[in-house]
Structure formats: C-alpha cells, structure tokens
Amino acid sequence: MIEIGRWAGIDIPILNLARGIWVTGPFPEIPSSSPFVEDMTAEWYYRPEGAGVLMGMGKKPGDELEVKMTYEMMEKIIEAGIHRVPVLEKASVLTSWVGVRPMTPDDRPILGPVPYLDGFILNCGWGGTGIIQAPIAGQLVAEYINDGHTTTLDISPLGINRFEKRGHLEDK
C-alpha cells in the first residue's frame, strides 16, 4: 500500500508490523466453543483452531520487522499465553509462522477518499482485523463510489486527512 501511495504521489502512513502465530496440537482443555480472547495491552490473543488453539502476538512500533519465527518471539507468545491462560502450559506446538500486519499510527484503518486526489479511495491499515471487517468496509466503499457519501456509517473519522498537519502528513 505504501508503494501504491507513492505512485499516486501521496504518503499513506502504514507501519508494517510483524505478528507471530502458533497453533497447538490437539488440546481438549480449551473446548472448540471457547470465544476469541484478546489482551490488547499485550497485543496477544487466542482462539480455538480445529482440535487445538491458535495464539498470536504482535510486535510494537519500533521493533525490528522480522518475518520469521524466532525463539525469542515464540517464547514471548508462550509466556503471554501461560500468564493469561495457565492451562496452556500443557500445550504442544504444532506449527508457527509470522505475518505482516499493516497498521496506522493510531491503530485505526484509513477508509475513504483522498481529498486532493480525485477518484482515489483508500481501504487499508486494518492490521489483523481486515478479514473480519471486510464486509462492512466493502459496503462503505461501494456506497461512497455509488453515491459520493456513505449512509451506513460516517467514515470521515477514518479519512487519511486525520494524519495531516499544516498541509503535510505527520511523520510516522
């Protein structure tokens, strides 16, 4: 998205952050009916995944972007998990990976038109919630394209202009 913004002559304030994820082997101690649980202060979450549990933890801005699972990252995820859900101490690791999360400086997506670039509409910076929010985001973009405004929800607080300061985008 950053590169696309450059092609269009705009600075889209996206921070690419890593999120480490690991999945346990079968783990009946946490039933598949358990809800998604997130501790936003630690950037940690877990949810049932098949017969096991999926858990993830994100890196904070300023951390080095490393898109491979390191022992240090895995240790942090496991420690955070056991601290919050002690029974996870009995779990085994089945698989793990690291993905990139495109985030904005204020952790909210950028959604809507670029005021000074006619016809350029942004829908980015959702981080890990893009799949969850895709239906409403798509509806809002379609409303804007079709009607020139949205009716379902006011998207103006999500516009890119919130990052502008005296005519220039703030430093990331």
N, C-alpha and C. Protein backbone atom coordinates (compact mmCIF):
# COMPACT_ATOMS: atom_id res chain seq x y z
N MET A 1 0.82 -1.19 0.00
CA MET A 1 0.00 0.00 0.00
C MET A 1 0.87 1.26 0.00
N ILE A 2 1.98 1.22 0.71
CA ILE A 2 2.87 2.37 0.76
C ILE A 2 3.36 2.70 -0.65
N GLU A 3 3.75 1.67 -1.40
CA GLU A 3 4.26 1.86 -2.77
C GLU A 3 3.17 2.41 -3.69
N ILE A 4 1.95 1.92 -3.56
CA ILE A 4 0.84 2.42 -4.37
C ILE A 4 0.61 3.89 -4.08
N GLY A 5 0.70 4.27 -2.82
CA GLY A 5 0.58 5.68 -2.46
C GLY A 5 1.66 6.52 -3.13
N ARG A 6 2.87 6.00 -3.15
CA ARG A 6 3.97 6.73 -3.82
C ARG A 6 3.67 6.93 -5.30
N TRP A 7 3.13 5.89 -5.95
CA TRP A 7 2.78 6.01 -7.38
C TRP A 7 1.78 7.14 -7.59
N ALA A 8 0.89 7.29 -6.62
CA ALA A 8 -0.15 8.33 -6.74
C ALA A 8 0.31 9.67 -6.18
N GLY A 9 1.52 9.72 -5.63
CA GLY A 9 2.05 10.97 -5.10
C GLY A 9 1.57 11.30 -3.69
N ILE A 10 1.14 10.29 -2.93
CA ILE A 10 0.71 10.54 -1.55
C ILE A 10 1.47 9.63 -0.60
N ASP A 11 1.56 10.08 0.62
CA ASP A 11 2.21 9.31 1.68
C ASP A 11 1.12 8.66 2.51
N ILE A 12 1.00 7.35 2.41
CA ILE A 12 0.00 6.61 3.19
C ILE A 12 0.71 6.12 4.44
N PRO A 13 0.31 6.60 5.62
CA PRO A 13 1.04 6.28 6.85
C PRO A 13 0.75 4.87 7.37
N ILE A 14 1.38 3.89 6.75
CA ILE A 14 1.22 2.50 7.15
C ILE A 14 2.52 2.04 7.80
N LEU A 15 2.40 1.37 8.92
CA LEU A 15 3.54 0.76 9.60
C LEU A 15 3.38 -0.75 9.44
N ASN A 16 4.37 -1.39 8.86
CA ASN A 16 4.31 -2.85 8.71
C ASN A 16 4.91 -3.49 9.95
N LEU A 17 4.06 -4.15 10.72
CA LEU A 17 4.46 -4.79 11.97
C LEU A 17 4.29 -6.30 11.85
N ALA A 18 5.15 -7.02 12.52
CA ALA A 18 5.08 -8.49 12.49
C ALA A 18 4.13 -9.00 13.56
N ARG A 19 3.47 -10.11 13.25
CA ARG A 19 2.64 -10.82 14.23
C ARG A 19 3.03 -12.28 14.16
N GLY A 20 3.51 -12.80 15.29
CA GLY A 20 3.86 -14.21 15.38
C GLY A 20 2.63 -15.01 15.78
N ILE A 21 2.45 -16.16 15.16
CA ILE A 21 1.29 -17.01 15.43
C ILE A 21 1.78 -18.45 15.60
N TRP A 22 1.22 -19.14 16.57
CA TRP A 22 1.47 -20.57 16.66
C TRP A 22 0.20 -21.30 17.02
N VAL A 23 0.16 -22.55 16.56
CA VAL A 23 -1.01 -23.40 16.76
C VAL A 23 -0.57 -24.62 17.55
N THR A 24 -1.37 -24.97 18.55
CA THR A 24 -1.07 -26.14 19.37
C THR A 24 -1.53 -27.42 18.67
N GLY A 25 -1.03 -28.52 19.18
CA GLY A 25 -1.58 -29.81 18.79
C GLY A 25 -2.96 -29.93 19.42
N PRO A 26 -3.63 -31.07 19.28
CA PRO A 26 -4.94 -31.24 19.92
C PRO A 26 -4.88 -30.86 21.39
N PHE A 27 -5.86 -30.07 21.82
CA PHE A 27 -5.83 -29.54 23.18
C PHE A 27 -7.25 -29.45 23.74
N PRO A 28 -7.78 -30.56 24.24
CA PRO A 28 -9.17 -30.59 24.71
C PRO A 28 -9.42 -29.74 25.95
N GLU A 29 -8.37 -29.29 26.62
CA GLU A 29 -8.55 -28.45 27.81
C GLU A 29 -9.25 -27.12 27.47
N ILE A 30 -9.15 -26.70 26.21
CA ILE A 30 -9.86 -25.49 25.77
C ILE A 30 -10.82 -25.95 24.67
N PRO A 31 -12.13 -25.99 24.98
CA PRO A 31 -13.10 -26.50 24.02
C PRO A 31 -13.22 -25.62 22.77
N SER A 32 -13.63 -26.25 21.68
CA SER A 32 -13.77 -25.52 20.42
C SER A 32 -14.86 -24.46 20.48
N SER A 33 -15.70 -24.51 21.49
CA SER A 33 -16.75 -23.49 21.64
C SER A 33 -16.25 -22.25 22.40
N SER A 34 -14.99 -22.25 22.83
CA SER A 34 -14.44 -21.08 23.54
C SER A 34 -14.40 -19.87 22.62
N PRO A 35 -14.58 -18.67 23.15
CA PRO A 35 -14.57 -17.47 22.31
C PRO A 35 -13.15 -17.00 21.96
N PHE A 36 -13.08 -16.12 21.02
CA PHE A 36 -11.84 -15.40 20.70
C PHE A 36 -11.55 -14.50 21.91
N VAL A 37 -10.34 -14.53 22.43
CA VAL A 37 -9.96 -13.71 23.59
C VAL A 37 -8.74 -12.89 23.20
N GLU A 38 -8.78 -11.59 23.50
CA GLU A 38 -7.67 -10.71 23.15
C GLU A 38 -7.30 -9.83 24.33
N ASP A 39 -6.01 -9.72 24.58
CA ASP A 39 -5.48 -8.77 25.55
C ASP A 39 -4.76 -7.70 24.74
N MET A 40 -5.43 -6.60 24.51
CA MET A 40 -4.89 -5.55 23.64
C MET A 40 -3.66 -4.87 24.24
N THR A 41 -3.52 -4.89 25.56
CA THR A 41 -2.35 -4.26 26.17
C THR A 41 -1.08 -5.04 25.86
N ALA A 42 -1.20 -6.33 25.65
CA ALA A 42 -0.04 -7.17 25.35
C ALA A 42 0.04 -7.53 23.87
N GLU A 43 -0.96 -7.09 23.08
CA GLU A 43 -1.01 -7.48 21.66
C GLU A 43 -1.08 -9.00 21.51
N TRP A 44 -1.73 -9.67 22.45
CA TRP A 44 -1.81 -11.13 22.48
C TRP A 44 -3.26 -11.57 22.35
N TYR A 45 -3.49 -12.70 21.67
CA TYR A 45 -4.84 -13.24 21.55
C TYR A 45 -4.78 -14.75 21.37
N TYR A 46 -5.92 -15.40 21.59
CA TYR A 46 -6.04 -16.82 21.26
C TYR A 46 -7.48 -17.14 20.90
N ARG A 47 -7.62 -18.27 20.21
CA ARG A 47 -8.94 -18.78 19.83
C ARG A 47 -8.79 -20.25 19.48
N PRO A 48 -9.89 -21.00 19.56
CA PRO A 48 -9.84 -22.39 19.13
C PRO A 48 -9.49 -22.47 17.64
N GLU A 49 -8.74 -23.49 17.28
CA GLU A 49 -8.36 -23.73 15.88
C GLU A 49 -8.37 -25.24 15.68
N GLY A 50 -9.41 -25.76 15.05
CA GLY A 50 -9.54 -27.21 14.91
C GLY A 50 -9.59 -27.85 16.28
N ALA A 51 -8.78 -28.86 16.49
CA ALA A 51 -8.73 -29.53 17.79
C ALA A 51 -7.77 -28.84 18.76
N GLY A 52 -7.09 -27.82 18.28
CA GLY A 52 -6.11 -27.12 19.12
C GLY A 52 -6.48 -25.68 19.38
N VAL A 53 -5.46 -24.89 19.63
CA VAL A 53 -5.62 -23.47 19.94
C VAL A 53 -4.63 -22.68 19.08
N LEU A 54 -5.10 -21.58 18.50
CA LEU A 54 -4.23 -20.66 17.77
C LEU A 54 -3.99 -19.47 18.68
N MET A 55 -2.74 -19.04 18.78
CA MET A 55 -2.48 -17.84 19.55
C MET A 55 -1.46 -17.00 18.82
N GLY A 56 -1.58 -15.70 19.02
CA GLY A 56 -0.68 -14.79 18.32
C GLY A 56 -0.33 -13.60 19.17
N MET A 57 0.74 -12.95 18.76
CA MET A 57 1.20 -11.77 19.47
C MET A 57 1.92 -10.87 18.48
N GLY A 58 1.62 -9.60 18.55
CA GLY A 58 2.22 -8.65 17.63
C GLY A 58 3.40 -7.93 18.21
N LYS A 59 4.25 -7.45 17.31
CA LYS A 59 5.37 -6.60 17.72
C LYS A 59 4.88 -5.17 17.75
N LYS A 60 5.51 -4.36 18.53
CA LYS A 60 5.14 -2.96 18.69
C LYS A 60 5.93 -2.09 17.71
N PRO A 61 5.41 -0.88 17.39
CA PRO A 61 6.18 0.03 16.54
C PRO A 61 7.57 0.25 17.14
N GLY A 62 8.55 0.29 16.27
CA GLY A 62 9.93 0.46 16.72
C GLY A 62 10.67 -0.86 16.81
N ASP A 63 9.91 -1.97 16.97
CA ASP A 63 10.55 -3.29 16.96
C ASP A 63 11.00 -3.58 15.53
N GLU A 64 12.06 -4.33 15.42
CA GLU A 64 12.56 -4.70 14.09
C GLU A 64 11.55 -5.63 13.43
N LEU A 65 11.26 -5.37 12.14
CA LEU A 65 10.35 -6.23 11.39
C LEU A 65 11.11 -7.47 10.95
N GLU A 66 10.77 -8.58 11.58
CA GLU A 66 11.41 -9.85 11.26
C GLU A 66 10.30 -10.82 10.91
N VAL A 67 10.25 -11.26 9.67
CA VAL A 67 9.13 -12.09 9.24
C VAL A 67 9.49 -13.58 9.25
N LYS A 68 10.14 -13.97 10.33
CA LYS A 68 10.36 -15.39 10.58
C LYS A 68 10.19 -15.60 12.08
N MET A 69 9.73 -16.78 12.44
CA MET A 69 9.53 -17.07 13.85
C MET A 69 10.89 -17.29 14.50
N THR A 70 11.16 -16.50 15.52
CA THR A 70 12.40 -16.66 16.25
C THR A 70 12.10 -17.29 17.60
N TYR A 71 13.11 -17.84 18.22
CA TYR A 71 12.93 -18.42 19.54
C TYR A 71 12.43 -17.35 20.51
N GLU A 72 12.98 -16.15 20.40
CA GLU A 72 12.57 -15.06 21.29
C GLU A 72 11.09 -14.72 21.12
N MET A 73 10.62 -14.65 19.87
CA MET A 73 9.22 -14.34 19.62
C MET A 73 8.32 -15.45 20.15
N MET A 74 8.69 -16.70 19.88
CA MET A 74 7.88 -17.83 20.35
C MET A 74 7.83 -17.84 21.88
N GLU A 75 8.94 -17.57 22.52
CA GLU A 75 8.99 -17.55 23.98
C GLU A 75 8.05 -16.47 24.54
N LYS A 76 8.02 -15.30 23.91
CA LYS A 76 7.13 -14.21 24.37
C LYS A 76 5.67 -14.60 24.22
N ILE A 77 5.32 -15.24 23.10
CA ILE A 77 3.94 -15.67 22.88
C ILE A 77 3.53 -16.70 23.92
N ILE A 78 4.40 -17.67 24.15
CA ILE A 78 4.10 -18.73 25.12
C ILE A 78 3.99 -18.15 26.54
N GLU A 79 4.93 -17.29 26.92
CA GLU A 79 4.87 -16.68 28.26
C GLU A 79 3.60 -15.87 28.44
N ALA A 80 3.24 -15.08 27.41
CA ALA A 80 2.00 -14.28 27.50
C ALA A 80 0.79 -15.20 27.63
N GLY A 81 0.78 -16.30 26.87
CA GLY A 81 -0.33 -17.23 26.93
C GLY A 81 -0.48 -17.90 28.28
N ILE A 82 0.62 -18.40 28.81
CA ILE A 82 0.57 -19.10 30.10
C ILE A 82 0.20 -18.14 31.22
N HIS A 83 0.65 -16.88 31.11
CA HIS A 83 0.30 -15.88 32.13
C HIS A 83 -1.20 -15.63 32.14
N ARG A 84 -1.83 -15.61 30.95
CA ARG A 84 -3.24 -15.28 30.85
C ARG A 84 -4.14 -16.51 30.94
N VAL A 85 -3.67 -17.64 30.43
CA VAL A 85 -4.45 -18.89 30.42
C VAL A 85 -3.50 -20.00 30.89
N PRO A 86 -3.34 -20.17 32.21
CA PRO A 86 -2.32 -21.09 32.74
C PRO A 86 -2.35 -22.51 32.19
N VAL A 87 -3.53 -23.01 31.80
CA VAL A 87 -3.61 -24.39 31.30
C VAL A 87 -2.82 -24.55 29.99
N LEU A 88 -2.52 -23.46 29.31
CA LEU A 88 -1.73 -23.55 28.07
C LEU A 88 -0.33 -24.08 28.30
N GLU A 89 0.10 -24.14 29.54
CA GLU A 89 1.41 -24.70 29.86
C GLU A 89 1.49 -26.17 29.41
N LYS A 90 0.35 -26.84 29.32
CA LYS A 90 0.30 -28.25 28.93
C LYS A 90 0.26 -28.44 27.41
N ALA A 91 0.17 -27.36 26.65
CA ALA A 91 0.00 -27.46 25.20
C ALA A 91 1.33 -27.74 24.49
N SER A 92 1.22 -28.36 23.33
CA SER A 92 2.40 -28.59 22.48
C SER A 92 2.24 -27.72 21.23
N VAL A 93 3.36 -27.34 20.64
CA VAL A 93 3.33 -26.52 19.43
C VAL A 93 3.26 -27.43 18.20
N LEU A 94 2.26 -27.22 17.37
CA LEU A 94 2.10 -27.98 16.14
C LEU A 94 2.80 -27.26 14.98
N THR A 95 2.54 -25.95 14.85
CA THR A 95 3.14 -25.17 13.78
C THR A 95 3.16 -23.69 14.17
N SER A 96 3.96 -22.92 13.45
CA SER A 96 4.02 -21.48 13.72
C SER A 96 4.41 -20.74 12.46
N TRP A 97 4.10 -19.46 12.43
CA TRP A 97 4.50 -18.60 11.32
C TRP A 97 4.46 -17.15 11.77
N VAL A 98 4.98 -16.28 10.93
CA VAL A 98 4.94 -14.85 11.19
C VAL A 98 4.34 -14.18 9.97
N GLY A 99 3.45 -13.24 10.22
CA GLY A 99 2.84 -12.48 9.13
C GLY A 99 3.05 -10.99 9.35
N VAL A 100 2.83 -10.22 8.32
CA VAL A 100 2.98 -8.78 8.39
C VAL A 100 1.60 -8.16 8.56
N ARG A 101 1.48 -7.26 9.51
CA ARG A 101 0.23 -6.54 9.77
C ARG A 101 0.41 -5.08 9.37
N PRO A 102 -0.32 -4.61 8.39
CA PRO A 102 -0.24 -3.19 8.03
C PRO A 102 -1.09 -2.36 9.00
N MET A 103 -0.44 -1.53 9.78
CA MET A 103 -1.12 -0.73 10.80
C MET A 103 -0.92 0.76 10.52
N THR A 104 -1.80 1.58 11.08
CA THR A 104 -1.63 3.02 11.01
C THR A 104 -1.09 3.50 12.36
N PRO A 105 -0.55 4.71 12.41
CA PRO A 105 -0.01 5.21 13.68
C PRO A 105 -1.03 5.25 14.82
N ASP A 106 -2.33 5.39 14.50
CA ASP A 106 -3.35 5.44 15.57
C ASP A 106 -4.14 4.14 15.69
N ASP A 107 -3.68 3.07 15.03
CA ASP A 107 -4.31 1.74 15.10
C ASP A 107 -5.73 1.69 14.55
N ARG A 108 -6.13 2.67 13.77
CA ARG A 108 -7.44 2.64 13.10
C ARG A 108 -7.20 2.61 11.60
N PRO A 109 -8.07 1.97 10.83
CA PRO A 109 -7.85 1.90 9.39
C PRO A 109 -8.01 3.27 8.72
N ILE A 110 -7.53 3.34 7.51
CA ILE A 110 -7.77 4.51 6.66
C ILE A 110 -8.82 4.07 5.66
N LEU A 111 -9.95 4.77 5.65
CA LEU A 111 -11.07 4.39 4.80
C LEU A 111 -11.70 5.64 4.21
N GLY A 112 -11.74 5.71 2.91
CA GLY A 112 -12.40 6.82 2.25
C GLY A 112 -11.53 7.50 1.21
N PRO A 113 -12.05 8.58 0.64
CA PRO A 113 -11.35 9.25 -0.45
C PRO A 113 -10.15 10.04 0.04
N VAL A 114 -9.20 10.22 -0.88
CA VAL A 114 -8.09 11.14 -0.64
C VAL A 114 -8.59 12.50 -1.15
N PRO A 115 -8.78 13.48 -0.26
CA PRO A 115 -9.45 14.73 -0.65
C PRO A 115 -8.83 15.45 -1.84
N TYR A 116 -7.55 15.38 -2.02
CA TYR A 116 -6.86 16.14 -3.07
C TYR A 116 -6.47 15.27 -4.26
N LEU A 117 -7.03 14.05 -4.35
CA LEU A 117 -6.70 13.15 -5.45
C LEU A 117 -8.01 12.51 -5.92
N ASP A 118 -8.66 13.16 -6.86
CA ASP A 118 -9.98 12.76 -7.33
C ASP A 118 -10.03 11.29 -7.75
N GLY A 119 -10.99 10.55 -7.18
CA GLY A 119 -11.21 9.17 -7.54
C GLY A 119 -10.33 8.15 -6.83
N PHE A 120 -9.45 8.61 -5.93
CA PHE A 120 -8.55 7.70 -5.22
C PHE A 120 -9.15 7.42 -3.84
N ILE A 121 -9.57 6.18 -3.62
CA ILE A 121 -10.24 5.80 -2.37
C ILE A 121 -9.38 4.77 -1.65
N LEU A 122 -9.15 4.99 -0.37
CA LEU A 122 -8.32 4.10 0.43
C LEU A 122 -9.16 3.18 1.31
N ASN A 123 -8.68 1.98 1.48
CA ASN A 123 -9.27 0.99 2.39
C ASN A 123 -8.09 0.15 2.86
N CYS A 124 -7.36 0.62 3.87
CA CYS A 124 -6.12 -0.03 4.27
C CYS A 124 -5.84 0.22 5.75
N GLY A 125 -4.80 -0.45 6.25
CA GLY A 125 -4.38 -0.24 7.63
C GLY A 125 -5.22 -0.96 8.66
N TRP A 126 -5.86 -2.03 8.26
CA TRP A 126 -6.74 -2.77 9.17
C TRP A 126 -5.97 -3.69 10.11
N GLY A 127 -4.70 -3.90 9.87
CA GLY A 127 -3.94 -4.80 10.72
C GLY A 127 -4.50 -6.20 10.64
N GLY A 128 -4.73 -6.81 11.77
CA GLY A 128 -5.22 -8.17 11.80
C GLY A 128 -6.72 -8.30 11.68
N THR A 129 -7.46 -7.20 11.57
CA THR A 129 -8.91 -7.30 11.54
C THR A 129 -9.51 -7.10 10.16
N GLY A 130 -8.68 -7.01 9.13
CA GLY A 130 -9.18 -6.76 7.78
C GLY A 130 -10.17 -7.78 7.29
N ILE A 131 -9.91 -9.06 7.56
CA ILE A 131 -10.83 -10.12 7.12
C ILE A 131 -12.16 -10.00 7.86
N ILE A 132 -12.08 -9.72 9.15
CA ILE A 132 -13.30 -9.60 9.96
C ILE A 132 -14.14 -8.41 9.51
N GLN A 133 -13.47 -7.30 9.17
CA GLN A 133 -14.17 -6.07 8.82
C GLN A 133 -14.46 -5.93 7.33
N ALA A 134 -14.01 -6.87 6.51
CA ALA A 134 -14.15 -6.75 5.06
C ALA A 134 -15.59 -6.52 4.59
N PRO A 135 -16.59 -7.20 5.13
CA PRO A 135 -17.95 -6.96 4.61
C PRO A 135 -18.41 -5.51 4.79
N ILE A 136 -18.21 -4.93 5.96
CA ILE A 136 -18.66 -3.55 6.16
C ILE A 136 -17.77 -2.58 5.41
N ALA A 137 -16.47 -2.85 5.36
CA ALA A 137 -15.56 -1.96 4.62
C ALA A 137 -15.95 -1.94 3.14
N GLY A 138 -16.21 -3.11 2.58
CA GLY A 138 -16.62 -3.18 1.18
C GLY A 138 -17.93 -2.45 0.93
N GLN A 139 -18.87 -2.60 1.84
CA GLN A 139 -20.16 -1.91 1.70
C GLN A 139 -19.95 -0.39 1.73
N LEU A 140 -19.11 0.08 2.66
CA LEU A 140 -18.87 1.53 2.78
C LEU A 140 -18.18 2.09 1.54
N VAL A 141 -17.20 1.37 1.03
CA VAL A 141 -16.51 1.83 -0.18
C VAL A 141 -17.51 1.85 -1.36
N ALA A 142 -18.33 0.80 -1.47
CA ALA A 142 -19.33 0.76 -2.55
C ALA A 142 -20.32 1.92 -2.43
N GLU A 143 -20.77 2.22 -1.21
CA GLU A 143 -21.68 3.35 -1.02
C GLU A 143 -21.02 4.65 -1.46
N TYR A 144 -19.76 4.83 -1.08
CA TYR A 144 -19.07 6.06 -1.44
C TYR A 144 -18.90 6.17 -2.96
N ILE A 145 -18.49 5.08 -3.60
CA ILE A 145 -18.32 5.10 -5.06
C ILE A 145 -19.65 5.37 -5.75
N ASN A 146 -20.71 4.74 -5.29
CA ASN A 146 -22.02 4.86 -5.93
C ASN A 146 -22.70 6.21 -5.66
N ASP A 147 -22.62 6.70 -4.41
CA ASP A 147 -23.40 7.88 -4.02
C ASP A 147 -22.56 9.12 -3.70
N GLY A 148 -21.23 8.96 -3.60
CA GLY A 148 -20.39 10.11 -3.23
C GLY A 148 -20.35 10.35 -1.73
N HIS A 149 -21.02 9.50 -0.97
CA HIS A 149 -21.01 9.56 0.50
C HIS A 149 -21.50 8.20 1.02
N THR A 150 -21.33 7.99 2.31
CA THR A 150 -21.82 6.75 2.91
C THR A 150 -23.07 7.03 3.71
N THR A 151 -23.95 6.04 3.79
CA THR A 151 -25.17 6.19 4.59
C THR A 151 -25.19 5.25 5.78
N THR A 152 -24.47 4.14 5.68
CA THR A 152 -24.46 3.15 6.76
C THR A 152 -23.70 3.67 7.98
N LEU A 153 -22.60 4.38 7.73
CA LEU A 153 -21.71 4.82 8.80
C LEU A 153 -20.92 6.02 8.30
N ASP A 154 -20.70 7.00 9.15
CA ASP A 154 -19.87 8.15 8.80
C ASP A 154 -18.41 7.72 8.83
N ILE A 155 -17.76 7.74 7.67
CA ILE A 155 -16.36 7.31 7.60
C ILE A 155 -15.38 8.47 7.72
N SER A 156 -15.87 9.68 7.88
CA SER A 156 -14.95 10.83 7.92
C SER A 156 -13.88 10.71 9.02
N PRO A 157 -14.17 10.13 10.19
CA PRO A 157 -13.09 9.99 11.19
C PRO A 157 -11.98 9.02 10.77
N LEU A 158 -12.22 8.24 9.74
CA LEU A 158 -11.23 7.27 9.28
C LEU A 158 -10.44 7.77 8.06
N GLY A 159 -10.70 8.99 7.63
CA GLY A 159 -10.03 9.53 6.45
C GLY A 159 -8.54 9.77 6.66
N ILE A 160 -7.81 9.77 5.57
CA ILE A 160 -6.36 9.99 5.61
C ILE A 160 -6.02 11.40 6.11
N ASN A 161 -6.94 12.33 5.95
CA ASN A 161 -6.66 13.71 6.37
C ASN A 161 -6.46 13.84 7.88
N ARG A 162 -6.80 12.83 8.66
CA ARG A 162 -6.54 12.92 10.10
C ARG A 162 -5.05 12.91 10.42
N PHE A 163 -4.23 12.50 9.47
CA PHE A 163 -2.79 12.49 9.67
C PHE A 163 -2.11 13.74 9.15
N GLU A 164 -2.88 14.64 8.57
CA GLU A 164 -2.30 15.86 8.02
C GLU A 164 -2.04 16.87 9.13
N LYS A 165 -0.93 17.59 8.97
CA LYS A 165 -0.56 18.64 9.90
C LYS A 165 0.02 19.78 9.07
N ARG A 166 -0.70 20.90 9.02
CA ARG A 166 -0.27 22.06 8.24
C ARG A 166 -0.03 21.69 6.77
N GLY A 167 -0.92 20.87 6.21
CA GLY A 167 -0.82 20.53 4.80
C GLY A 167 0.09 19.39 4.46
N HIS A 168 0.77 18.82 5.45
CA HIS A 168 1.67 17.69 5.19
C HIS A 168 1.31 16.56 6.15
N LEU A 169 1.52 15.36 5.71
CA LEU A 169 1.27 14.22 6.61
C LEU A 169 2.32 14.22 7.70
N GLU A 170 1.88 13.88 8.91
CA GLU A 170 2.81 13.81 10.04
C GLU A 170 3.83 12.70 9.81
N ASP A 171 4.99 12.85 10.42
CA ASP A 171 5.99 11.79 10.35
C ASP A 171 5.44 10.56 11.02
N LYS A 172 5.78 9.41 10.46
CA LYS A 172 5.29 8.14 11.02
C LYS A 172 6.06 7.77 12.24
